Amino acid sequence: MRRYTLLLISDAEEGGHTVRVPALPGLTPEGDTLEEAIANARDAITLRMKSAEKHGEPIPEEELPPRTVTIDVAA
């Protein structure tokens, strides 16, 4: 079992959610609901891991979860 941090980005205008997986750059599953986006992320991570195993590549591990900070910036 491996653990990955998901960053969930919601689109207020069009709806839906995009997922970023910092440990797996380029992996950006989406979903209409948060639940669907998370499920799609789980599937995409599983496929990436199977592909890496098939091609003899290392499976990226998340050593430390990323930290998030929210800042205010004058407009």
Protein backbone atom coordinates (compact mmCIF):
# COMPACT_ATOMS: atom_id res chain seq x y z
CA MET A 1 0.00 0.00 0.00
CA ARG A 2 1.33 3.43 -0.95
CA ARG A 3 0.13 6.85 0.15
CA TYR A 4 -0.04 9.93 -2.08
CA THR A 5 -1.22 13.47 -1.42
CA LEU A 6 -3.88 14.81 -3.79
CA LEU A 7 -4.34 18.52 -4.44
CA LEU A 8 -7.95 19.14 -5.43
CA ILE A 9 -8.60 22.19 -7.61
CA SER A 10 -12.23 23.17 -8.14
CA ASP A 11 -13.40 25.13 -11.19
CA ALA A 12 -15.98 27.63 -9.94
CA GLU A 13 -17.00 28.77 -13.43
CA GLU A 14 -17.36 25.49 -15.30
CA GLY A 15 -17.74 23.10 -12.39
CA GLY A 16 -15.76 19.94 -11.90
CA HIS A 17 -12.47 19.27 -10.18
CA THR A 18 -8.90 18.65 -11.28
CA VAL A 19 -6.49 16.60 -9.20
CA ARG A 20 -2.74 17.14 -8.99
CA VAL A 21 -0.48 14.47 -7.49
CA PRO A 22 2.80 16.20 -6.53
CA ALA A 23 4.72 12.92 -6.37
CA LEU A 24 3.58 12.04 -9.91
CA PRO A 25 4.08 15.12 -12.13
CA GLY A 26 1.91 15.21 -15.21
CA LEU A 27 -0.87 13.14 -13.67
CA THR A 28 -4.00 15.34 -13.72
CA PRO A 29 -7.22 13.33 -13.48
CA GLU A 30 -10.53 15.17 -13.35
CA GLY A 31 -14.09 14.57 -12.22
CA ASP A 32 -17.46 16.28 -12.12
CA THR A 33 -17.66 15.72 -8.35
CA LEU A 34 -14.97 15.52 -5.69
CA GLU A 35 -15.73 11.85 -5.21
CA GLU A 36 -15.39 11.15 -8.94
CA ALA A 37 -12.13 13.16 -9.14
CA ILE A 38 -10.65 11.21 -6.22
CA ALA A 39 -11.76 7.87 -7.70
CA ASN A 40 -10.25 8.85 -11.07
CA ALA A 41 -7.02 9.84 -9.30
CA ARG A 42 -6.86 6.46 -7.58
CA ASP A 43 -7.34 4.71 -10.93
CA ALA A 44 -4.73 6.89 -12.66
CA ILE A 45 -2.17 6.29 -9.90
CA THR A 46 -2.79 2.54 -10.09
CA LEU A 47 -2.30 2.57 -13.88
CA ARG A 48 0.90 4.62 -13.51
CA MET A 49 2.25 2.13 -10.96
CA LYS A 50 1.40 -0.87 -13.19
CA SER A 51 3.05 0.81 -16.17
CA ALA A 52 6.20 1.53 -14.15
CA GLU A 53 6.36 -2.08 -12.96
CA LYS A 54 5.84 -3.40 -16.50
CA HIS A 55 8.67 -1.25 -17.86
CA GLY A 56 11.04 -1.88 -14.94
CA GLU A 57 10.86 1.74 -13.80
CA PRO A 58 10.84 2.79 -10.14
CA ILE A 59 7.51 3.73 -8.64
CA PRO A 60 7.73 7.26 -7.22
CA GLU A 61 7.23 7.45 -3.49
CA GLU A 62 6.05 10.43 -1.51
CA GLU A 63 8.66 10.79 1.21
CA LEU A 64 7.10 13.82 2.87
CA PRO A 65 3.67 15.17 2.03
CA PRO A 66 3.73 18.61 0.42
CA ARG A 67 2.76 21.57 2.54
CA THR A 68 0.26 24.16 1.45
CA VAL A 69 0.19 27.79 2.46
CA THR A 70 -2.43 30.38 1.57
CA ILE A 71 -1.21 33.96 1.23
CA ASP A 72 -2.85 37.31 0.51
CA VAL A 73 -1.41 39.47 -2.27
CA ALA A 74 -2.40 43.06 -2.89
CA ALA A 75 -4.11 43.48 -6.28
